[in-house]
């Protein structure tokens, strides 16, 4: 069974701003989300749990510079994206 992405209104706004600012990343962003739904453990995503004040979140890579932070519910197979942006901005 695949995981289910659940988009909040606040994430949709963040993602829209991000994609307007980086139109060259749209296809890479969409591909990343498709892979995430099918297999969150896929090596290209570099999924890892965050530490410190963000310790309840996980992160995946769009590319070397950009990340998506998310809440992960392994038991329910739900993934809620929280933020998207440059590595330094989302952490």
Protein backbone atom coordinates (compact mmCIF):
# COMPACT_ATOMS: atom_id res chain seq x y z
CA UNK A 1 0.00 0.00 0.00
CA UNK A 2 1.22 3.46 -0.92
CA UNK A 3 1.50 6.34 1.48
CA UNK A 4 -0.99 9.17 1.27
CA UNK A 5 0.10 12.79 1.09
CA UNK A 6 -2.16 15.20 2.96
CA UNK A 7 -1.71 18.84 1.98
CA UNK A 8 -2.62 21.60 4.43
CA UNK A 9 -3.66 25.06 3.21
CA UNK A 10 -0.52 26.59 4.71
CA UNK A 11 1.72 24.10 2.89
CA UNK A 12 -0.06 24.72 -0.42
CA UNK A 13 0.64 28.46 -0.04
CA UNK A 14 4.31 27.80 0.78
CA UNK A 15 4.70 25.40 -2.12
CA UNK A 16 3.02 27.84 -4.54
CA UNK A 17 5.40 30.62 -3.52
CA UNK A 18 8.36 28.27 -3.76
CA UNK A 19 7.41 27.07 -7.26
CA UNK A 20 6.75 30.61 -8.52
CA UNK A 21 10.21 31.57 -7.31
CA UNK A 22 11.79 28.39 -8.79
CA UNK A 23 9.86 27.40 -11.94
CA UNK A 24 12.86 25.36 -13.07
CA UNK A 25 12.26 22.96 -10.16
CA UNK A 26 8.58 22.14 -10.85
CA UNK A 27 9.21 18.78 -12.54
CA UNK A 28 11.83 17.77 -9.97
CA UNK A 29 9.48 18.79 -7.12
CA UNK A 30 6.59 16.76 -8.59
CA UNK A 31 8.83 13.74 -9.18
CA UNK A 32 10.04 13.90 -5.57
CA UNK A 33 6.46 13.86 -4.26
CA UNK A 34 5.52 10.92 -6.50
CA UNK A 35 8.50 8.91 -5.28
CA UNK A 36 7.61 9.85 -1.68
CA UNK A 37 4.09 8.44 -2.08
CA UNK A 38 5.32 5.21 -3.63
CA UNK A 39 8.37 4.57 -1.47
CA UNK A 40 9.41 7.03 1.25
CA UNK A 41 12.55 4.95 1.85
CA UNK A 42 13.79 5.47 -1.73
CA UNK A 43 17.49 6.40 -1.51
CA UNK A 44 17.16 9.47 -3.75
CA UNK A 45 14.92 11.16 -1.16
CA UNK A 46 17.50 10.87 1.63
CA UNK A 47 14.69 10.68 4.21
CA UNK A 48 15.88 11.41 7.73
CA UNK A 49 14.44 12.52 11.04
CA UNK A 50 15.39 15.99 12.18
CA UNK A 51 16.87 16.89 15.55
CA UNK A 52 16.59 19.74 18.00
CA UNK A 53 13.54 21.98 17.81
CA UNK A 54 12.35 20.13 14.66
CA UNK A 55 12.74 16.63 16.16
CA UNK A 56 9.12 15.69 15.39
CA UNK A 57 9.70 16.25 11.66
CA UNK A 58 11.42 14.39 8.86
CA UNK A 59 13.10 15.82 5.80
CA UNK A 60 13.56 14.74 2.19
CA UNK A 61 15.69 16.22 -0.57
CA UNK A 62 14.38 17.68 -3.80
CA UNK A 63 18.00 18.19 -4.85
CA UNK A 64 21.25 19.10 -3.15
CA UNK A 65 19.98 22.57 -2.13
CA UNK A 66 16.25 22.22 -1.53
CA UNK A 67 14.28 20.24 1.06
CA UNK A 68 10.75 19.36 2.08
CA UNK A 69 10.05 18.92 5.77
CA UNK A 70 7.18 16.66 6.74
CA UNK A 71 5.28 14.95 9.47
CA UNK A 72 5.41 11.19 9.04
CA UNK A 73 2.81 8.76 10.35
CA UNK A 74 4.25 5.34 9.51
CA UNK A 75 1.40 3.36 11.10
CA UNK A 76 -1.33 5.24 9.23
CA UNK A 77 0.75 5.61 6.05
CA UNK A 78 0.14 9.37 6.06
CA UNK A 79 2.62 12.07 5.15
CA UNK A 80 1.89 15.74 5.79
CA UNK A 81 4.29 18.17 4.08
CA UNK A 82 5.09 21.13 6.33
CA UNK A 83 7.58 23.34 4.52
CA UNK A 84 9.55 23.50 1.29
CA UNK A 85 12.55 25.64 0.46
CA UNK A 86 16.27 26.07 0.57
CA UNK A 87 18.10 23.90 3.10
CA UNK A 88 18.98 26.89 5.30
CA UNK A 89 15.44 28.29 5.23
CA UNK A 90 13.47 25.18 6.24
CA UNK A 91 15.76 24.15 9.09
